[in-house]
mmCIF file of all heavy atoms, coordinates in Angstrom:
data_MODEL
# 
_entry.id   MODEL 
# 
loop_
_atom_site.group_PDB 
_atom_site.id 
_atom_site.type_symbol 
_atom_site.label_atom_id 
_atom_site.label_alt_id 
_atom_site.label_comp_id 
_atom_site.label_asym_id 
_atom_site.label_entity_id 
_atom_site.label_seq_id 
_atom_site.pdbx_PDB_ins_code 
_atom_site.Cartn_x 
_atom_site.Cartn_y 
_atom_site.Cartn_z 
_atom_site.occupancy 
_atom_site.B_iso_or_equiv 
_atom_site.pdbx_formal_charge 
_atom_site.auth_seq_id 
_atom_site.auth_comp_id 
_atom_site.auth_asym_id 
_atom_site.auth_atom_id 
_atom_site.pdbx_PDB_model_num 
ATOM 1   N N   . PHE A 1 1  ? 0.840   -1.184  0.000   1.00 0.00 ? 1  PHE A N   1 
ATOM 2   C CA  . PHE A 1 1  ? 0.000   0.000   0.000   1.00 0.00 ? 1  PHE A CA  1 
ATOM 3   C C   . PHE A 1 1  ? 0.881   1.242   0.000   1.00 0.00 ? 1  PHE A C   1 
ATOM 4   O O   . PHE A 1 1  ? 2.015   1.216   0.497   1.00 0.00 ? 1  PHE A O   1 
ATOM 5   C CB  . PHE A 1 1  ? -0.933  0.015   1.218   1.00 0.00 ? 1  PHE A CB  1 
ATOM 6   C CG  . PHE A 1 1  ? -2.045  -0.982  1.128   1.00 0.00 ? 1  PHE A CG  1 
ATOM 7   C CD1 . PHE A 1 1  ? -1.887  -2.268  1.627   1.00 0.00 ? 1  PHE A CD1 1 
ATOM 8   C CD2 . PHE A 1 1  ? -3.253  -0.646  0.535   1.00 0.00 ? 1  PHE A CD2 1 
ATOM 9   C CE1 . PHE A 1 1  ? -2.910  -3.203  1.537   1.00 0.00 ? 1  PHE A CE1 1 
ATOM 10  C CE2 . PHE A 1 1  ? -4.283  -1.575  0.444   1.00 0.00 ? 1  PHE A CE2 1 
ATOM 11  C CZ  . PHE A 1 1  ? -4.105  -2.845  0.937   1.00 0.00 ? 1  PHE A CZ  1 
ATOM 12  N N   . TYR A 1 2  ? 0.333   2.323   -0.558  1.00 0.00 ? 2  TYR A N   1 
ATOM 13  C CA  . TYR A 1 2  ? 1.074   3.576   -0.683  1.00 0.00 ? 2  TYR A CA  1 
ATOM 14  C C   . TYR A 1 2  ? 0.225   4.719   -0.130  1.00 0.00 ? 2  TYR A C   1 
ATOM 15  O O   . TYR A 1 2  ? -0.960  4.829   -0.432  1.00 0.00 ? 2  TYR A O   1 
ATOM 16  C CB  . TYR A 1 2  ? 1.393   3.873   -2.152  1.00 0.00 ? 2  TYR A CB  1 
ATOM 17  C CG  . TYR A 1 2  ? 2.306   2.854   -2.790  1.00 0.00 ? 2  TYR A CG  1 
ATOM 18  C CD1 . TYR A 1 2  ? 1.818   1.630   -3.248  1.00 0.00 ? 2  TYR A CD1 1 
ATOM 19  C CD2 . TYR A 1 2  ? 3.665   3.107   -2.932  1.00 0.00 ? 2  TYR A CD2 1 
ATOM 20  C CE1 . TYR A 1 2  ? 2.650   0.691   -3.818  1.00 0.00 ? 2  TYR A CE1 1 
ATOM 21  C CE2 . TYR A 1 2  ? 4.512   2.178   -3.505  1.00 0.00 ? 2  TYR A CE2 1 
ATOM 22  C CZ  . TYR A 1 2  ? 4.006   0.965   -3.950  1.00 0.00 ? 2  TYR A CZ  1 
ATOM 23  O OH  . TYR A 1 2  ? 4.839   0.034   -4.518  1.00 0.00 ? 2  TYR A OH  1 
ATOM 24  N N   . ILE A 1 3  ? 0.822   5.562   0.683   1.00 0.00 ? 3  ILE A N   1 
ATOM 25  C CA  . ILE A 1 3  ? 0.177   6.770   1.189   1.00 0.00 ? 3  ILE A CA  1 
ATOM 26  C C   . ILE A 1 3  ? 0.948   7.960   0.645   1.00 0.00 ? 3  ILE A C   1 
ATOM 27  O O   . ILE A 1 3  ? 2.147   8.101   0.903   1.00 0.00 ? 3  ILE A O   1 
ATOM 28  C CB  . ILE A 1 3  ? 0.157   6.812   2.729   1.00 0.00 ? 3  ILE A CB  1 
ATOM 29  C CG1 . ILE A 1 3  ? -0.484  5.541   3.306   1.00 0.00 ? 3  ILE A CG1 1 
ATOM 30  C CG2 . ILE A 1 3  ? -0.579  8.055   3.216   1.00 0.00 ? 3  ILE A CG2 1 
ATOM 31  C CD1 . ILE A 1 3  ? -1.931  5.347   2.934   1.00 0.00 ? 3  ILE A CD1 1 
ATOM 32  N N   . ASN A 1 4  ? 0.269   8.790   -0.142  1.00 0.00 ? 4  ASN A N   1 
ATOM 33  C CA  . ASN A 1 4  ? 0.917   9.926   -0.793  1.00 0.00 ? 4  ASN A CA  1 
ATOM 34  C C   . ASN A 1 4  ? 2.184   9.504   -1.540  1.00 0.00 ? 4  ASN A C   1 
ATOM 35  O O   . ASN A 1 4  ? 3.211   10.183  -1.517  1.00 0.00 ? 4  ASN A O   1 
ATOM 36  C CB  . ASN A 1 4  ? 1.231   11.028  0.227   1.00 0.00 ? 4  ASN A CB  1 
ATOM 37  C CG  . ASN A 1 4  ? -0.030  11.668  0.772   1.00 0.00 ? 4  ASN A CG  1 
ATOM 38  O OD1 . ASN A 1 4  ? -1.015  11.829  0.057   1.00 0.00 ? 4  ASN A OD1 1 
ATOM 39  N ND2 . ASN A 1 4  ? -0.016  12.028  2.042   1.00 0.00 ? 4  ASN A ND2 1 
ATOM 40  N N   . GLY A 1 5  ? 2.087   8.343   -2.204  1.00 0.00 ? 5  GLY A N   1 
ATOM 41  C CA  . GLY A 1 5  ? 3.176   7.845   -3.026  1.00 0.00 ? 5  GLY A CA  1 
ATOM 42  C C   . GLY A 1 5  ? 4.275   7.135   -2.275  1.00 0.00 ? 5  GLY A C   1 
ATOM 43  O O   . GLY A 1 5  ? 5.221   6.635   -2.890  1.00 0.00 ? 5  GLY A O   1 
ATOM 44  N N   . ILE A 1 6  ? 4.196   7.050   -0.958  1.00 0.00 ? 6  ILE A N   1 
ATOM 45  C CA  . ILE A 1 6  ? 5.245   6.422   -0.152  1.00 0.00 ? 6  ILE A CA  1 
ATOM 46  C C   . ILE A 1 6  ? 4.861   4.980   0.158   1.00 0.00 ? 6  ILE A C   1 
ATOM 47  O O   . ILE A 1 6  ? 3.793   4.709   0.716   1.00 0.00 ? 6  ILE A O   1 
ATOM 48  C CB  . ILE A 1 6  ? 5.478   7.194   1.159   1.00 0.00 ? 6  ILE A CB  1 
ATOM 49  C CG1 . ILE A 1 6  ? 5.906   8.635   0.850   1.00 0.00 ? 6  ILE A CG1 1 
ATOM 50  C CG2 . ILE A 1 6  ? 6.525   6.504   2.019   1.00 0.00 ? 6  ILE A CG2 1 
ATOM 51  C CD1 . ILE A 1 6  ? 6.029   9.514   2.072   1.00 0.00 ? 6  ILE A CD1 1 
ATOM 52  N N   . ASP A 1 7  ? 5.727   4.057   -0.226  1.00 0.00 ? 7  ASP A N   1 
ATOM 53  C CA  . ASP A 1 7  ? 5.495   2.629   -0.019  1.00 0.00 ? 7  ASP A CA  1 
ATOM 54  C C   . ASP A 1 7  ? 5.487   2.329   1.476   1.00 0.00 ? 7  ASP A C   1 
ATOM 55  O O   . ASP A 1 7  ? 6.455   2.619   2.188   1.00 0.00 ? 7  ASP A O   1 
ATOM 56  C CB  . ASP A 1 7  ? 6.609   1.839   -0.727  1.00 0.00 ? 7  ASP A CB  1 
ATOM 57  C CG  . ASP A 1 7  ? 6.323   0.346   -0.791  1.00 0.00 ? 7  ASP A CG  1 
ATOM 58  O OD1 . ASP A 1 7  ? 5.440   -0.128  -0.045  1.00 0.00 ? 7  ASP A OD1 1 
ATOM 59  O OD2 . ASP A 1 7  ? 6.993   -0.344  -1.581  1.00 0.00 ? 7  ASP A OD2 1 
ATOM 60  N N   . GLN A 1 8  ? 4.402   1.722   1.950   1.00 0.00 ? 8  GLN A N   1 
ATOM 61  C CA  . GLN A 1 8  ? 4.267   1.381   3.364   1.00 0.00 ? 8  GLN A CA  1 
ATOM 62  C C   . GLN A 1 8  ? 4.765   -0.033  3.677   1.00 0.00 ? 8  GLN A C   1 
ATOM 63  O O   . GLN A 1 8  ? 4.662   -0.480  4.818   1.00 0.00 ? 8  GLN A O   1 
ATOM 64  C CB  . GLN A 1 8  ? 2.807   1.526   3.798   1.00 0.00 ? 8  GLN A CB  1 
ATOM 65  C CG  . GLN A 1 8  ? 2.229   2.913   3.568   1.00 0.00 ? 8  GLN A CG  1 
ATOM 66  C CD  . GLN A 1 8  ? 2.956   3.997   4.336   1.00 0.00 ? 8  GLN A CD  1 
ATOM 67  O OE1 . GLN A 1 8  ? 3.151   3.886   5.540   1.00 0.00 ? 8  GLN A OE1 1 
ATOM 68  N NE2 . GLN A 1 8  ? 3.379   5.049   3.623   1.00 0.00 ? 8  GLN A NE2 1 
ATOM 69  N N   . GLY A 1 9  ? 5.280   -0.719  2.654   1.00 0.00 ? 9  GLY A N   1 
ATOM 70  C CA  . GLY A 1 9  ? 5.831   -2.053  2.871   1.00 0.00 ? 9  GLY A CA  1 
ATOM 71  C C   . GLY A 1 9  ? 4.846   -3.161  2.532   1.00 0.00 ? 9  GLY A C   1 
ATOM 72  O O   . GLY A 1 9  ? 3.730   -2.914  2.077   1.00 0.00 ? 9  GLY A O   1 
ATOM 73  N N   . VAL A 1 10 ? 5.263   -4.387  2.758   1.00 0.00 ? 10 VAL A N   1 
ATOM 74  C CA  . VAL A 1 10 ? 4.464   -5.559  2.414   1.00 0.00 ? 10 VAL A CA  1 
ATOM 75  C C   . VAL A 1 10 ? 3.283   -5.693  3.371   1.00 0.00 ? 10 VAL A C   1 
ATOM 76  O O   . VAL A 1 10 ? 3.461   -5.756  4.584   1.00 0.00 ? 10 VAL A O   1 
ATOM 77  C CB  . VAL A 1 10 ? 5.316   -6.845  2.451   1.00 0.00 ? 10 VAL A CB  1 
ATOM 78  C CG1 . VAL A 1 10 ? 4.457   -8.069  2.158   1.00 0.00 ? 10 VAL A CG1 1 
ATOM 79  C CG2 . VAL A 1 10 ? 6.470   -6.751  1.465   1.00 0.00 ? 10 VAL A CG2 1 
ATOM 80  N N   . ALA A 1 11 ? 2.076   -5.726  2.789   1.00 0.00 ? 11 ALA A N   1 
ATOM 81  C CA  . ALA A 1 11 ? 0.870   -5.936  3.597   1.00 0.00 ? 11 ALA A CA  1 
ATOM 82  C C   . ALA A 1 11 ? 0.457   -7.396  3.601   1.00 0.00 ? 11 ALA A C   1 
ATOM 83  O O   . ALA A 1 11 ? -0.126  -7.884  4.562   1.00 0.00 ? 11 ALA A O   1 
ATOM 84  C CB  . ALA A 1 11 ? -0.269  -5.080  3.065   1.00 0.00 ? 11 ALA A CB  1 
ATOM 85  N N   . ALA A 1 12 ? 0.723   -8.089  2.503   1.00 0.00 ? 12 ALA A N   1 
ATOM 86  C CA  . ALA A 1 12 ? 0.429   -9.524  2.380   1.00 0.00 ? 12 ALA A CA  1 
ATOM 87  C C   . ALA A 1 12 ? 1.460   -10.117 1.433   1.00 0.00 ? 12 ALA A C   1 
ATOM 88  O O   . ALA A 1 12 ? 1.782   -9.518  0.404   1.00 0.00 ? 12 ALA A O   1 
ATOM 89  C CB  . ALA A 1 12 ? -0.981  -9.742  1.847   1.00 0.00 ? 12 ALA A CB  1 
ATOM 90  N N   . ASN A 1 13 ? 1.970   -11.283 1.787   1.00 0.00 ? 13 ASN A N   1 
ATOM 91  C CA  . ASN A 1 13 ? 3.036   -11.884 0.983   1.00 0.00 ? 13 ASN A CA  1 
ATOM 92  C C   . ASN A 1 13 ? 2.521   -12.523 -0.298  1.00 0.00 ? 13 ASN A C   1 
ATOM 93  O O   . ASN A 1 13 ? 3.202   -12.482 -1.315  1.00 0.00 ? 13 ASN A O   1 
ATOM 94  C CB  . ASN A 1 13 ? 3.791   -12.938 1.812   1.00 0.00 ? 13 ASN A CB  1 
ATOM 95  C CG  . ASN A 1 13 ? 4.637   -12.310 2.893   1.00 0.00 ? 13 ASN A CG  1 
ATOM 96  O OD1 . ASN A 1 13 ? 5.331   -11.327 2.651   1.00 0.00 ? 13 ASN A OD1 1 
ATOM 97  N ND2 . ASN A 1 13 ? 4.568   -12.858 4.098   1.00 0.00 ? 13 ASN A ND2 1 
ATOM 98  N N   . GLN A 1 14 ? 1.336   -13.106 -0.265  1.00 0.00 ? 14 GLN A N   1 
ATOM 99  C CA  . GLN A 1 14 ? 0.788   -13.768 -1.444  1.00 0.00 ? 14 GLN A CA  1 
ATOM 100 C C   . GLN A 1 14 ? -0.630  -13.282 -1.712  1.00 0.00 ? 14 GLN A C   1 
ATOM 101 O O   . GLN A 1 14 ? -1.515  -13.443 -0.881  1.00 0.00 ? 14 GLN A O   1 
ATOM 102 C CB  . GLN A 1 14 ? 0.801   -15.295 -1.255  1.00 0.00 ? 14 GLN A CB  1 
ATOM 103 C CG  . GLN A 1 14 ? 2.193   -15.908 -1.327  1.00 0.00 ? 14 GLN A CG  1 
ATOM 104 C CD  . GLN A 1 14 ? 2.843   -15.707 -2.688  1.00 0.00 ? 14 GLN A CD  1 
ATOM 105 O OE1 . GLN A 1 14 ? 2.182   -15.783 -3.720  1.00 0.00 ? 14 GLN A OE1 1 
ATOM 106 N NE2 . GLN A 1 14 ? 4.141   -15.434 -2.690  1.00 0.00 ? 14 GLN A NE2 1 
ATOM 107 N N   . THR A 1 15 ? -0.815  -12.683 -2.879  1.00 0.00 ? 15 THR A N   1 
ATOM 108 C CA  . THR A 1 15 ? -2.122  -12.198 -3.312  1.00 0.00 ? 15 THR A CA  1 
ATOM 109 C C   . THR A 1 15 ? -2.501  -12.938 -4.584  1.00 0.00 ? 15 THR A C   1 
ATOM 110 O O   . THR A 1 15 ? -1.627  -13.169 -5.431  1.00 0.00 ? 15 THR A O   1 
ATOM 111 C CB  . THR A 1 15 ? -2.061  -10.682 -3.588  1.00 0.00 ? 15 THR A CB  1 
ATOM 112 O OG1 . THR A 1 15 ? -1.512  -10.034 -2.437  1.00 0.00 ? 15 THR A OG1 1 
ATOM 113 C CG2 . THR A 1 15 ? -3.439  -10.114 -3.864  1.00 0.00 ? 15 THR A CG2 1 
ATOM 114 N N   . PRO A 1 16 ? -3.755  -13.351 -4.753  1.00 0.00 ? 16 PRO A N   1 
ATOM 115 C CA  . PRO A 1 16 ? -4.149  -14.054 -5.981  1.00 0.00 ? 16 PRO A CA  1 
ATOM 116 C C   . PRO A 1 16 ? -3.749  -13.280 -7.238  1.00 0.00 ? 16 PRO A C   1 
ATOM 117 O O   . PRO A 1 16 ? -3.642  -12.050 -7.219  1.00 0.00 ? 16 PRO A O   1 
ATOM 118 C CB  . PRO A 1 16 ? -5.670  -14.148 -5.848  1.00 0.00 ? 16 PRO A CB  1 
ATOM 119 C CG  . PRO A 1 16 ? -5.917  -14.124 -4.382  1.00 0.00 ? 16 PRO A CG  1 
ATOM 120 C CD  . PRO A 1 16 ? -4.874  -13.217 -3.803  1.00 0.00 ? 16 PRO A CD  1 
ATOM 121 N N   . GLY A 1 17 ? -3.529  -14.008 -8.314  1.00 0.00 ? 17 GLY A N   1 
ATOM 122 C CA  . GLY A 1 17 ? -3.068  -13.399 -9.554  1.00 0.00 ? 17 GLY A CA  1 
ATOM 123 C C   . GLY A 1 17 ? -4.064  -12.478 -10.209 1.00 0.00 ? 17 GLY A C   1 
ATOM 124 O O   . GLY A 1 17 ? -3.688  -11.524 -10.878 1.00 0.00 ? 17 GLY A O   1 
ATOM 125 N N   . VAL A 1 18 ? -5.360  -12.754 -10.039 1.00 0.00 ? 18 VAL A N   1 
ATOM 126 C CA  . VAL A 1 18 ? -6.395  -11.909 -10.649 1.00 0.00 ? 18 VAL A CA  1 
ATOM 127 C C   . VAL A 1 18 ? -7.168  -11.203 -9.537  1.00 0.00 ? 18 VAL A C   1 
ATOM 128 O O   . VAL A 1 18 ? -7.950  -11.828 -8.815  1.00 0.00 ? 18 VAL A O   1 
ATOM 129 C CB  . VAL A 1 18 ? -7.359  -12.744 -11.522 1.00 0.00 ? 18 VAL A CB  1 
ATOM 130 C CG1 . VAL A 1 18 ? -8.448  -11.857 -12.108 1.00 0.00 ? 18 VAL A CG1 1 
ATOM 131 C CG2 . VAL A 1 18 ? -6.592  -13.450 -12.632 1.00 0.00 ? 18 VAL A CG2 1 
ATOM 132 N N   . VAL A 1 19 ? -6.918  -9.920  -9.378  1.00 0.00 ? 19 VAL A N   1 
ATOM 133 C CA  . VAL A 1 19 ? -7.602  -9.135  -8.352  1.00 0.00 ? 19 VAL A CA  1 
ATOM 134 C C   . VAL A 1 19 ? -8.040  -7.790  -8.936  1.00 0.00 ? 19 VAL A C   1 
ATOM 135 O O   . VAL A 1 19 ? -7.412  -7.259  -9.860  1.00 0.00 ? 19 VAL A O   1 
ATOM 136 C CB  . VAL A 1 19 ? -6.699  -8.882  -7.119  1.00 0.00 ? 19 VAL A CB  1 
ATOM 137 C CG1 . VAL A 1 19 ? -6.486  -10.163 -6.338  1.00 0.00 ? 19 VAL A CG1 1 
ATOM 138 C CG2 . VAL A 1 19 ? -5.382  -8.239  -7.512  1.00 0.00 ? 19 VAL A CG2 1 
ATOM 139 N N   . TYR A 1 20 ? -9.134  -7.271  -8.398  1.00 0.00 ? 20 TYR A N   1 
ATOM 140 C CA  . TYR A 1 20 ? -9.661  -5.966  -8.769  1.00 0.00 ? 20 TYR A CA  1 
ATOM 141 C C   . TYR A 1 20 ? -9.395  -4.993  -7.621  1.00 0.00 ? 20 TYR A C   1 
ATOM 142 O O   . TYR A 1 20 ? -9.442  -5.372  -6.451  1.00 0.00 ? 20 TYR A O   1 
ATOM 143 C CB  . TYR A 1 20 ? -11.166 -6.036  -9.024  1.00 0.00 ? 20 TYR A CB  1 
ATOM 144 C CG  . TYR A 1 20 ? -11.559 -6.915  -10.178 1.00 0.00 ? 20 TYR A CG  1 
ATOM 145 C CD1 . TYR A 1 20 ? -11.666 -8.300  -10.023 1.00 0.00 ? 20 TYR A CD1 1 
ATOM 146 C CD2 . TYR A 1 20 ? -11.840 -6.379  -11.438 1.00 0.00 ? 20 TYR A CD2 1 
ATOM 147 C CE1 . TYR A 1 20 ? -12.028 -9.114  -11.089 1.00 0.00 ? 20 TYR A CE1 1 
ATOM 148 C CE2 . TYR A 1 20 ? -12.206 -7.178  -12.505 1.00 0.00 ? 20 TYR A CE2 1 
ATOM 149 C CZ  . TYR A 1 20 ? -12.296 -8.553  -12.322 1.00 0.00 ? 20 TYR A CZ  1 
ATOM 150 O OH  . TYR A 1 20 ? -12.654 -9.362  -13.369 1.00 0.00 ? 20 TYR A OH  1 
ATOM 151 N N   . GLY A 1 21 ? -9.148  -3.743  -7.964  1.00 0.00 ? 21 GLY A N   1 
ATOM 152 C CA  . GLY A 1 21 ? -8.984  -2.723  -6.941  1.00 0.00 ? 21 GLY A CA  1 
ATOM 153 C C   . GLY A 1 21 ? -10.320 -2.348  -6.348  1.00 0.00 ? 21 GLY A C   1 
ATOM 154 O O   . GLY A 1 21 ? -11.330 -2.285  -7.048  1.00 0.00 ? 21 GLY A O   1 
ATOM 155 N N   . VAL A 1 22 ? -10.355 -2.095  -5.048  1.00 0.00 ? 22 VAL A N   1 
ATOM 156 C CA  . VAL A 1 22 ? -11.596 -1.753  -4.342  1.00 0.00 ? 22 VAL A CA  1 
ATOM 157 C C   . VAL A 1 22 ? -11.374 -0.499  -3.512  1.00 0.00 ? 22 VAL A C   1 
ATOM 158 O O   . VAL A 1 22 ? -10.354 -0.362  -2.839  1.00 0.00 ? 22 VAL A O   1 
ATOM 159 C CB  . VAL A 1 22 ? -12.037 -2.890  -3.388  1.00 0.00 ? 22 VAL A CB  1 
ATOM 160 C CG1 . VAL A 1 22 ? -13.327 -2.504  -2.682  1.00 0.00 ? 22 VAL A CG1 1 
ATOM 161 C CG2 . VAL A 1 22 ? -12.207 -4.187  -4.117  1.00 0.00 ? 22 VAL A CG2 1 
ATOM 162 N N   . VAL A 1 23 ? -12.328 0.408   -3.573  1.00 0.00 ? 23 VAL A N   1 
ATOM 163 C CA  . VAL A 1 23 ? -12.364 1.549   -2.663  1.00 0.00 ? 23 VAL A CA  1 
ATOM 164 C C   . VAL A 1 23 ? -13.713 1.538   -1.973  1.00 0.00 ? 23 VAL A C   1 
ATOM 165 O O   . VAL A 1 23 ? -14.749 1.444   -2.628  1.00 0.00 ? 23 VAL A O   1 
ATOM 166 C CB  . VAL A 1 23 ? -12.161 2.884   -3.409  1.00 0.00 ? 23 VAL A CB  1 
ATOM 167 C CG1 . VAL A 1 23 ? -12.293 4.051   -2.442  1.00 0.00 ? 23 VAL A CG1 1 
ATOM 168 C CG2 . VAL A 1 23 ? -10.793 2.917   -4.083  1.00 0.00 ? 23 VAL A CG2 1 
ATOM 169 N N   . ASP A 1 24 ? -13.692 1.588   -0.664  1.00 0.00 ? 24 ASP A N   1 
ATOM 170 C CA  . ASP A 1 24 ? -14.923 1.602   0.122   1.00 0.00 ? 24 ASP A CA  1 
ATOM 171 C C   . ASP A 1 24 ? -15.100 3.001   0.690   1.00 0.00 ? 24 ASP A C   1 
ATOM 172 O O   . ASP A 1 24 ? -14.416 3.402   1.639   1.00 0.00 ? 24 ASP A O   1 
ATOM 173 C CB  . ASP A 1 24 ? -14.823 0.561   1.240   1.00 0.00 ? 24 ASP A CB  1 
ATOM 174 C CG  . ASP A 1 24 ? -16.178 0.219   1.838   1.00 0.00 ? 24 ASP A CG  1 
ATOM 175 O OD1 . ASP A 1 24 ? -17.119 1.014   1.650   1.00 0.00 ? 24 ASP A OD1 1 
ATOM 176 O OD2 . ASP A 1 24 ? -16.280 -0.838  2.490   1.00 0.00 ? 24 ASP A OD2 1 
ATOM 177 N N   . LEU A 1 25 ? -16.000 3.774   0.065   1.00 0.00 ? 25 LEU A N   1 
ATOM 178 C CA  . LEU A 1 25 ? -16.287 5.131   0.525   1.00 0.00 ? 25 LEU A CA  1 
ATOM 179 C C   . LEU A 1 25 ? -17.323 5.078   1.637   1.00 0.00 ? 25 LEU A C   1 
ATOM 180 O O   . LEU A 1 25 ? -18.477 4.758   1.389   1.00 0.00 ? 25 LEU A O   1 
ATOM 181 C CB  . LEU A 1 25 ? -16.826 5.976   -0.634  1.00 0.00 ? 25 LEU A CB  1 
ATOM 182 C CG  . LEU A 1 25 ? -15.843 6.341   -1.747  1.00 0.00 ? 25 LEU A CG  1 
ATOM 183 C CD1 . LEU A 1 25 ? -16.591 6.983   -2.899  1.00 0.00 ? 25 LEU A CD1 1 
ATOM 184 C CD2 . LEU A 1 25 ? -14.775 7.271   -1.219  1.00 0.00 ? 25 LEU A CD2 1 
ATOM 185 N N   . TYR A 1 26 ? -16.921 5.355   2.839   1.00 0.00 ? 26 TYR A N   1 
ATOM 186 C CA  . TYR A 1 26 ? -17.897 5.384   3.916   1.00 0.00 ? 26 TYR A CA  1 
ATOM 187 C C   . TYR A 1 26 ? -17.471 6.438   4.931   1.00 0.00 ? 26 TYR A C   1 
ATOM 188 O O   . TYR A 1 26 ? -16.357 6.983   4.872   1.00 0.00 ? 26 TYR A O   1 
ATOM 189 C CB  . TYR A 1 26 ? -18.044 4.003   4.574   1.00 0.00 ? 26 TYR A CB  1 
ATOM 190 C CG  . TYR A 1 26 ? -16.967 3.661   5.573   1.00 0.00 ? 26 TYR A CG  1 
ATOM 191 C CD1 . TYR A 1 26 ? -17.171 3.851   6.942   1.00 0.00 ? 26 TYR A CD1 1 
ATOM 192 C CD2 . TYR A 1 26 ? -15.739 3.155   5.164   1.00 0.00 ? 26 TYR A CD2 1 
ATOM 193 C CE1 . TYR A 1 26 ? -16.190 3.535   7.862   1.00 0.00 ? 26 TYR A CE1 1 
ATOM 194 C CE2 . TYR A 1 26 ? -14.749 2.843   6.085   1.00 0.00 ? 26 TYR A CE2 1 
ATOM 195 C CZ  . TYR A 1 26 ? -14.976 3.032   7.424   1.00 0.00 ? 26 TYR A CZ  1 
ATOM 196 O OH  . TYR A 1 26 ? -13.997 2.741   8.333   1.00 0.00 ? 26 TYR A OH  1 
ATOM 197 N N   . GLY A 1 27 ? -18.360 6.721   5.848   1.00 0.00 ? 27 GLY A N   1 
ATOM 198 C CA  . GLY A 1 27 ? -18.034 7.687   6.882   1.00 0.00 ? 27 GLY A CA  1 
ATOM 199 C C   . GLY A 1 27 ? -17.712 9.058   6.303   1.00 0.00 ? 27 GLY A C   1 
ATOM 200 O O   . GLY A 1 27 ? -18.495 9.644   5.565   1.00 0.00 ? 27 GLY A O   1 
ATOM 201 N N   . MET A 1 28 ? -16.529 9.546   6.614   1.00 0.00 ? 28 MET A N   1 
ATOM 202 C CA  . MET A 1 28 ? -16.133 10.891  6.207   1.00 0.00 ? 28 MET A CA  1 
ATOM 203 C C   . MET A 1 28 ? -15.813 11.010  4.726   1.00 0.00 ? 28 MET A C   1 
ATOM 204 O O   . MET A 1 28 ? -15.907 12.093  4.146   1.00 0.00 ? 28 MET A O   1 
ATOM 205 C CB  . MET A 1 28 ? -14.920 11.330  7.022   1.00 0.00 ? 28 MET A CB  1 
ATOM 206 C CG  . MET A 1 28 ? -15.179 11.450  8.518   1.00 0.00 ? 28 MET A CG  1 
ATOM 207 S SD  . MET A 1 28 ? -13.721 12.008  9.431   1.00 0.00 ? 28 MET A SD  1 
ATOM 208 C CE  . MET A 1 28 ? -12.647 10.564  9.304   1.00 0.00 ? 28 MET A CE  1 
ATOM 209 N N   . ALA A 1 29 ? -15.395 9.909   4.089   1.00 0.00 ? 29 ALA A N   1 
ATOM 210 C CA  . ALA A 1 29 ? -14.944 9.959   2.695   1.00 0.00 ? 29 ALA A CA  1 
ATOM 211 C C   . ALA A 1 29 ? -16.138 10.073  1.751   1.00 0.00 ? 29 ALA A C   1 
ATOM 212 O O   . ALA A 1 29 ? -17.040 9.248   1.786   1.00 0.00 ? 29 ALA A O   1 
ATOM 213 C CB  . ALA A 1 29 ? -14.121 8.726   2.355   1.00 0.00 ? 29 ALA A CB  1 
# 
């Protein structure tokens, strides 16, 4: 994951090969 372009490091070591990006707009966003 990246915050303002800065890599925050590995969040998960293995992610499936076919994935879609998701944004969950809730609360303040």
